[in-house]
Amino acid sequence: MPERQLGRHCNVVNWTTNDEMRRLCPDVPDMDDLFQTPEHAISRTCDTMNIITPSGKSLSYNFEV
């Protein structure tokens, strides 16, 4: 069976730090248990996260560096 390919507009996001995720989602409990990404799995870092909601609204969040 061939490997499943993602569309060109799909991205896999690896958060820089759990501290950053706690800042973006302050009401989510046990954030450290949810996101544990090893360093070798991170191929690119960025300073913003852009999201388009199902209603079409564009949201942009800055990461603290």
C-alpha atoms as a PDB file:
ATOM      1  CA  MET A   1       0.000   0.000   0.000  1.00  0.00           C
ATOM      2  CA  PRO A   2       1.503   3.423  -0.919  1.00  0.00           C
ATOM      3  CA  GLU A   3       2.300   5.894   1.832  1.00  0.00           C
ATOM      4  CA  ARG A   4      -0.493   8.399   2.417  1.00  0.00           C
ATOM      5  CA  GLN A   5       0.469  11.899   1.277  1.00  0.00           C
ATOM      6  CA  LEU A   6      -0.665  15.130   2.936  1.00  0.00           C
ATOM      7  CA  GLY A   7      -2.101  17.916   0.809  1.00  0.00           C
ATOM      8  CA  ARG A   8       0.129  20.869   0.009  1.00  0.00           C
ATOM      9  CA  HIS A   9      -1.746  23.104   2.457  1.00  0.00           C
ATOM     10  CA  CYS A  10      -1.424  20.730   5.425  1.00  0.00           C
ATOM     11  CA  ASN A  11       1.299  21.181   7.999  1.00  0.00           C
ATOM     12  CA  VAL A  12       2.326  19.259  11.056  1.00  0.00           C
ATOM     13  CA  VAL A  13       3.013  21.616  13.930  1.00  0.00           C
ATOM     14  CA  ASN A  14       5.559  20.895  16.637  1.00  0.00           C
ATOM     15  CA  TRP A  15       5.323  23.438  19.425  1.00  0.00           C
ATOM     16  CA  THR A  16       8.568  25.047  20.523  1.00  0.00           C
ATOM     17  CA  THR A  17       7.952  24.663  24.252  1.00  0.00           C
ATOM     18  CA  ASN A  18       5.256  23.604  26.651  1.00  0.00           C
ATOM     19  CA  ASP A  19       5.586  27.073  28.219  1.00  0.00           C
ATOM     20  CA  GLU A  20       4.487  28.562  24.902  1.00  0.00           C
ATOM     21  CA  MET A  21       1.490  26.230  24.717  1.00  0.00           C
ATOM     22  CA  ARG A  22       0.482  27.139  28.278  1.00  0.00           C
ATOM     23  CA  ARG A  23       0.608  30.823  27.267  1.00  0.00           C
ATOM     24  CA  LEU A  24      -1.551  30.227  24.170  1.00  0.00           C
ATOM     25  CA  CYS A  25      -4.008  27.858  25.900  1.00  0.00           C
ATOM     26  CA  PRO A  26      -4.068  28.908  29.573  1.00  0.00           C
ATOM     27  CA  ASP A  27      -7.238  26.965  30.413  1.00  0.00           C
ATOM     28  CA  VAL A  28      -5.972  23.543  29.247  1.00  0.00           C
ATOM     29  CA  PRO A  29      -5.025  21.374  32.247  1.00  0.00           C
ATOM     30  CA  ASP A  30      -1.950  19.091  32.288  1.00  0.00           C
ATOM     31  CA  MET A  31      -0.361  20.682  29.199  1.00  0.00           C
ATOM     32  CA  ASP A  32       2.992  18.984  29.925  1.00  0.00           C
ATOM     33  CA  ASP A  33       1.370  15.567  29.546  1.00  0.00           C
ATOM     34  CA  LEU A  34      -0.175  16.450  26.163  1.00  0.00           C
ATOM     35  CA  PHE A  35       2.866  17.715  24.234  1.00  0.00           C
ATOM     36  CA  GLN A  36       6.215  15.958  24.564  1.00  0.00           C
ATOM     37  CA  THR A  37       8.139  16.408  21.307  1.00  0.00           C
ATOM     38  CA  PRO A  38      11.756  15.172  21.215  1.00  0.00           C
ATOM     39  CA  GLU A  39      14.338  17.582  19.758  1.00  0.00           C
ATOM     40  CA  HIS A  40      15.182  15.221  16.862  1.00  0.00           C
ATOM     41  CA  ALA A  41      11.555  15.413  15.656  1.00  0.00           C
ATOM     42  CA  ILE A  42      11.674  19.209  15.114  1.00  0.00           C
ATOM     43  CA  SER A  43      12.753  20.164  11.590  1.00  0.00           C
ATOM     44  CA  ARG A  44      11.746  23.833  11.524  1.00  0.00           C
ATOM     45  CA  THR A  45      10.874  26.544  14.035  1.00  0.00           C
ATOM     46  CA  CYS A  46       8.745  29.646  13.534  1.00  0.00           C
ATOM     47  CA  ASP A  47       7.704  32.757  15.449  1.00  0.00           C
ATOM     48  CA  THR A  48       3.990  32.839  14.504  1.00  0.00           C
ATOM     49  CA  MET A  49       1.100  30.422  14.223  1.00  0.00           C
ATOM     50  CA  ASN A  50      -1.688  31.229  11.752  1.00  0.00           C
ATOM     51  CA  ILE A  51      -5.045  29.478  11.948  1.00  0.00           C
ATOM     52  CA  ILE A  52      -8.094  29.713   9.694  1.00  0.00           C
ATOM     53  CA  THR A  53     -11.244  28.788  11.610  1.00  0.00           C
ATOM     54  CA  PRO A  54     -14.062  26.772   9.999  1.00  0.00           C
ATOM     55  CA  SER A  55     -15.997  30.044   9.647  1.00  0.00           C
ATOM     56  CA  GLY A  56     -13.109  31.527   7.620  1.00  0.00           C
ATOM     57  CA  LYS A  57     -11.770  33.872  10.314  1.00  0.00           C
ATOM     58  CA  SER A  58      -7.987  34.282  10.237  1.00  0.00           C
ATOM     59  CA  LEU A  59      -6.167  34.165  13.583  1.00  0.00           C
ATOM     60  CA  SER A  60      -2.470  34.843  14.160  1.00  0.00           C
ATOM     61  CA  TYR A  61      -0.550  34.121  17.371  1.00  0.00           C
ATOM     62  CA  ASN A  62       3.021  35.247  18.022  1.00  0.00           C
ATOM     63  CA  PHE A  63       5.385  32.869  19.787  1.00  0.00           C
ATOM     64  CA  GLU A  64       7.656  34.340  22.431  1.00  0.00           C
ATOM     65  CA  VAL A  65      11.296  33.870  21.517  1.00  0.00           C
END
